[in-house]
Amino acid sequence: MYLLSHKAYFFTLIVLFTFVWIAAAINPYDRSDWLLENILSILAVIFLLSTYNRFPFSRVSYSLVFIFLCLHEVGSHYTYAKVPYDEWSLSVFGFSLNEILGWQRNNFDRIIHFLYGLLIAYPLREVYLRIAEAKGFWGYFLPFNLALSTSLMYELIEWAAAIVFGGELGIHYLGTQGDVWDAHKDMLFAGIGALIAMLITMTINYSTQRDFSREWADSLKIKHPQPFGEDTLKK
């Protein structure tokens, strides 16, 4: 039995995120960059609040989104290229994360892109299952695909913002740190994260869902043998 009702759990996460947001808003490294980074955070919270009554997500999905938004706030406070995660690693664990992994740059942005795929793919799966009624193969592929495509869209938004604002603000927001393949690597890591999330979900469902194999096979069957398009228009 849950200690909190579904609604209480949701609003507890909203309150906790508000505290995180306020903490991140205090004396950020670059106020303008913080404002830009928080546009999507605010839109995400507004979306979740406005859809709660009609489309409440599961506790798991709300928790995953909460974790991602909190980590994003850390990036917005320091700017992604300057989050001192390596210093934290040295202070807490006594070793350099960059040194162990062979990183030559600040890779907090890369970590967040990976976590975007890992944490957001499952909530996206809920949307596909409950609205589009995606089943079998498509219930795993489509969330992976959407996580990857939205990662691409975010890279385009970063690029557009860098062009519009330019200067130091554009550099901070884009966060390439001189890597010409930065956007490609970010999308790759988001895709890897989403793939892992769907593989974990699929493994759990395979072990607990009795009709898993049948549903998977049915999802790949041809439902309409006749082609659509011009033939359908003639009818």
Protein backbone atom coordinates (compact mmCIF):
# COMPACT_ATOMS: atom_id res chain seq x y z
CA MET A 1 0.00 0.00 0.00
CA TYR A 2 1.30 3.45 -0.91
CA LEU A 3 1.93 5.95 1.86
CA LEU A 4 0.71 8.79 -0.35
CA SER A 5 -2.19 8.90 -2.76
CA HIS A 6 -1.32 9.36 -6.40
CA LYS A 7 -2.30 13.04 -6.31
CA ALA A 8 -0.40 13.69 -3.08
CA TYR A 9 2.68 12.00 -4.53
CA PHE A 10 2.52 14.13 -7.68
CA PHE A 11 2.18 17.41 -5.82
CA THR A 12 4.90 16.42 -3.35
CA LEU A 13 7.26 16.09 -6.31
CA ILE A 14 6.10 19.49 -7.62
CA VAL A 15 6.84 21.10 -4.24
CA LEU A 16 10.24 19.41 -3.99
CA PHE A 17 11.12 20.53 -7.51
CA THR A 18 10.08 24.07 -6.62
CA PHE A 19 12.64 24.06 -3.80
CA VAL A 20 15.31 22.75 -6.19
CA TRP A 21 14.34 25.40 -8.74
CA ILE A 22 14.59 28.19 -6.16
CA ALA A 23 17.99 26.93 -4.99
CA ALA A 24 19.26 26.83 -8.57
CA ALA A 25 17.91 30.34 -9.19
CA ILE A 26 20.08 31.82 -6.41
CA ASN A 27 23.17 33.44 -7.86
CA PRO A 28 23.60 31.25 -10.97
CA TYR A 29 26.84 31.46 -12.95
CA ASP A 30 25.13 33.24 -15.83
CA ARG A 31 21.64 34.65 -15.19
CA SER A 32 20.79 34.95 -18.88
CA ASP A 33 21.79 31.36 -19.58
CA TRP A 34 19.82 30.24 -16.52
CA LEU A 35 16.72 31.95 -17.92
CA LEU A 36 17.15 30.29 -21.31
CA GLU A 37 17.72 26.86 -19.79
CA ASN A 38 14.61 27.19 -17.62
CA ILE A 39 12.16 27.93 -20.40
CA LEU A 40 11.77 24.24 -21.16
CA SER A 41 11.68 23.35 -17.43
CA ILE A 42 8.82 25.75 -16.80
CA LEU A 43 6.96 24.51 -19.88
CA ALA A 44 7.42 20.92 -18.70
CA VAL A 45 5.97 21.69 -15.26
CA ILE A 46 3.06 23.62 -16.78
CA PHE A 47 2.37 20.66 -19.10
CA LEU A 48 2.39 18.15 -16.24
CA LEU A 49 0.12 20.32 -14.08
CA SER A 50 -2.34 21.03 -16.89
CA THR A 51 -2.61 17.38 -17.94
CA TYR A 52 -2.80 15.80 -14.48
CA ASN A 53 -6.59 15.49 -14.28
CA ARG A 54 -7.02 14.19 -17.81
CA PHE A 55 -3.83 12.17 -18.24
CA PRO A 56 -2.06 11.41 -14.96
CA PHE A 57 1.20 9.57 -15.48
CA SER A 58 2.31 6.72 -13.23
CA ARG A 59 4.38 7.36 -10.11
CA VAL A 60 7.35 5.83 -11.92
CA SER A 61 7.06 8.28 -14.81
CA TYR A 62 6.60 11.30 -12.53
CA SER A 63 9.63 10.21 -10.50
CA LEU A 64 11.79 9.81 -13.62
CA VAL A 65 10.77 13.24 -14.94
CA PHE A 66 11.41 14.76 -11.49
CA ILE A 67 14.95 13.36 -11.37
CA PHE A 68 15.72 14.62 -14.86
CA LEU A 69 14.39 18.13 -14.19
CA CYS A 70 16.39 18.38 -10.95
CA LEU A 71 19.59 17.41 -12.77
CA HIS A 72 18.76 19.91 -15.49
CA GLU A 73 18.48 22.60 -12.82
CA VAL A 74 22.02 21.78 -11.69
CA GLY A 75 23.18 22.35 -15.26
CA SER A 76 21.26 25.61 -15.53
CA HIS A 77 22.78 26.92 -12.29
CA TYR A 78 26.42 26.39 -13.28
CA THR A 79 25.92 26.31 -17.09
CA TYR A 80 26.42 22.80 -18.43
CA ALA A 81 30.06 23.29 -19.38
CA LYS A 82 31.03 24.35 -15.85
CA VAL A 83 29.21 21.92 -13.54
CA PRO A 84 31.97 20.84 -11.09
CA TYR A 85 31.02 17.15 -11.03
CA ASP A 86 34.68 16.10 -11.18
CA GLU A 87 35.49 18.19 -8.12
CA TRP A 88 32.52 16.61 -6.33
CA SER A 89 33.77 13.17 -7.30
CA LEU A 90 37.22 13.94 -5.88
CA SER A 91 35.74 15.39 -2.69
CA VAL A 92 33.22 12.62 -2.00
CA PHE A 93 34.85 9.50 -3.45
CA GLY A 94 38.49 10.51 -3.64
CA PHE A 95 38.92 9.93 -7.37
CA SER A 96 38.52 11.88 -10.60
CA LEU A 97 35.62 10.68 -12.74
CA ASN A 98 37.16 12.32 -15.81
CA GLU A 99 40.46 10.56 -15.20
CA ILE A 100 38.85 7.14 -14.79
CA LEU A 101 36.74 7.53 -17.93
CA GLY A 102 39.49 9.23 -19.92
CA TRP A 103 37.47 12.39 -20.51
CA GLN A 104 39.33 15.53 -21.57
CA ARG A 105 36.40 17.93 -21.17
CA ASN A 106 33.46 18.65 -18.89
CA ASN A 107 30.93 16.02 -19.96
CA PHE A 108 28.01 16.92 -17.70
CA ASP A 109 25.97 17.86 -20.76
CA ARG A 110 26.72 14.47 -22.29
CA ILE A 111 25.63 12.75 -19.07
CA ILE A 112 22.35 14.69 -19.06
CA HIS A 113 21.63 13.79 -22.68
CA PHE A 114 22.19 10.13 -21.79
CA LEU A 115 19.91 10.48 -18.77
CA TYR A 116 17.29 12.23 -20.91
CA GLY A 117 16.96 9.09 -22.98
CA LEU A 118 17.22 6.79 -19.97
CA LEU A 119 14.68 8.65 -17.81
CA ILE A 120 12.21 10.06 -20.34
CA ALA A 121 11.74 7.07 -22.63
CA TYR A 122 9.47 5.31 -20.12
CA PRO A 123 7.04 8.27 -19.73
CA LEU A 124 6.96 8.50 -23.53
CA ARG A 125 6.09 4.80 -23.62
CA GLU A 126 3.13 5.51 -21.35
CA VAL A 127 1.85 8.04 -23.88
CA TYR A 128 2.16 5.61 -26.76
CA LEU A 129 0.50 2.77 -24.85
CA ARG A 130 -2.39 4.79 -23.43
CA ILE A 131 -3.15 7.09 -26.39
CA ALA A 132 -1.87 5.39 -29.54
CA GLU A 133 -2.39 1.90 -28.07
CA ALA A 134 1.03 0.82 -29.31
CA LYS A 135 1.62 -2.85 -28.67
CA GLY A 136 4.48 -5.31 -28.82
CA PHE A 137 7.51 -4.15 -30.81
CA TRP A 138 6.03 -0.67 -31.38
CA GLY A 139 5.57 -0.08 -27.65
CA TYR A 140 9.35 -0.14 -27.29
CA PHE A 141 10.58 1.19 -30.63
CA LEU A 142 8.37 4.29 -30.79
CA PRO A 143 9.40 5.69 -27.34
CA PHE A 144 13.04 5.11 -28.28
CA ASN A 145 12.46 6.84 -31.61
CA LEU A 146 10.67 9.82 -30.05
CA ALA A 147 13.35 10.26 -27.38
CA LEU A 148 15.98 10.30 -30.13
CA SER A 149 14.02 12.68 -32.36
CA THR A 150 13.23 15.11 -29.52
CA SER A 151 16.93 15.10 -28.67
CA LEU A 152 17.57 16.14 -32.27
CA MET A 153 14.93 18.87 -31.97
CA TYR A 154 16.62 20.19 -28.81
CA GLU A 155 19.95 20.40 -30.64
CA LEU A 156 18.24 22.48 -33.33
CA ILE A 157 16.78 24.74 -30.63
CA GLU A 158 20.25 25.17 -29.11
CA TRP A 159 21.69 26.01 -32.53
CA ALA A 160 18.94 28.56 -33.25
CA ALA A 161 19.32 30.16 -29.80
CA ALA A 162 23.08 30.42 -30.25
CA ILE A 163 22.57 32.21 -33.58
CA VAL A 164 19.88 34.55 -32.24
CA PHE A 165 21.63 35.53 -28.99
CA GLY A 166 25.24 35.04 -30.07
CA GLY A 167 28.20 36.12 -27.97
CA GLU A 168 29.02 34.55 -24.63
CA LEU A 169 25.37 33.69 -23.92
CA GLY A 170 25.14 31.71 -27.14
CA ILE A 171 28.37 29.87 -26.32
CA HIS A 172 27.19 29.00 -22.80
CA TYR A 173 23.81 27.77 -24.05
CA LEU A 174 25.25 25.76 -26.92
CA GLY A 175 27.97 24.25 -24.72
CA THR A 176 30.00 22.63 -27.50
CA GLN A 177 33.32 23.36 -25.75
CA GLY A 178 35.04 23.41 -29.13
CA ASP A 179 33.81 19.96 -30.21
CA VAL A 180 32.44 20.14 -33.78
CA TRP A 181 30.68 16.79 -33.25
CA ASP A 182 29.08 17.83 -29.95
CA ALA A 183 25.48 17.73 -31.21
CA HIS A 184 25.98 14.33 -32.84
CA LYS A 185 27.47 12.85 -29.67
CA ASP A 186 24.68 14.32 -27.53
CA MET A 187 22.06 12.69 -29.74
CA LEU A 188 23.96 9.41 -29.69
CA PHE A 189 24.06 9.37 -25.89
CA ALA A 190 20.34 10.20 -25.70
CA GLY A 191 19.65 7.31 -28.05
CA ILE A 192 21.79 4.93 -26.00
CA GLY A 193 19.98 5.97 -22.82
CA ALA A 194 16.55 5.44 -24.40
CA LEU A 195 17.63 2.08 -25.82
CA ILE A 196 18.79 0.90 -22.39
CA ALA A 197 15.52 2.08 -20.81
CA MET A 198 13.44 0.16 -23.34
CA LEU A 199 15.61 -2.95 -23.06
CA ILE A 200 15.15 -2.91 -19.27
CA THR A 201 11.40 -2.40 -19.65
CA MET A 202 11.20 -5.16 -22.26
CA THR A 203 13.17 -7.56 -20.04
CA ILE A 204 10.86 -6.92 -17.08
CA ASN A 205 7.76 -7.36 -19.22
CA TYR A 206 9.13 -10.52 -20.82
CA SER A 207 9.60 -12.09 -17.41
CA THR A 208 6.21 -11.03 -16.02
CA GLN A 209 3.84 -10.77 -19.00
CA ARG A 210 2.45 -14.15 -20.04
CA ASP A 211 1.34 -13.08 -23.52
CA PHE A 212 4.52 -11.09 -24.28
CA SER A 213 5.63 -13.24 -27.22
CA ARG A 214 2.16 -13.39 -28.77
CA GLU A 215 1.65 -9.63 -28.47
CA TRP A 216 5.11 -9.00 -29.98
CA ALA A 217 4.35 -11.30 -32.93
CA ASP A 218 0.88 -9.80 -33.46
CA SER A 219 2.32 -6.27 -33.53
CA LEU A 220 4.45 -7.21 -36.54
CA LYS A 221 1.68 -8.87 -38.53
CA ILE A 222 0.36 -7.11 -41.63
CA LYS A 223 -3.09 -5.78 -40.74
CA HIS A 224 -4.06 -4.44 -44.19
CA PRO A 225 -2.62 -6.45 -47.10
CA GLN A 226 -3.81 -3.92 -49.69
CA PRO A 227 -1.69 -0.76 -50.18
CA PHE A 228 -2.95 2.61 -48.99
CA GLY A 229 -2.48 5.88 -50.84
CA GLU A 230 -3.79 6.43 -54.35
CA ASP A 231 -5.80 3.17 -54.26
CA THR A 232 -7.57 4.29 -51.09
CA LEU A 233 -8.32 7.71 -52.60
CA LYS A 234 -10.01 6.07 -55.58
CA LYS A 235 -12.43 4.35 -53.25
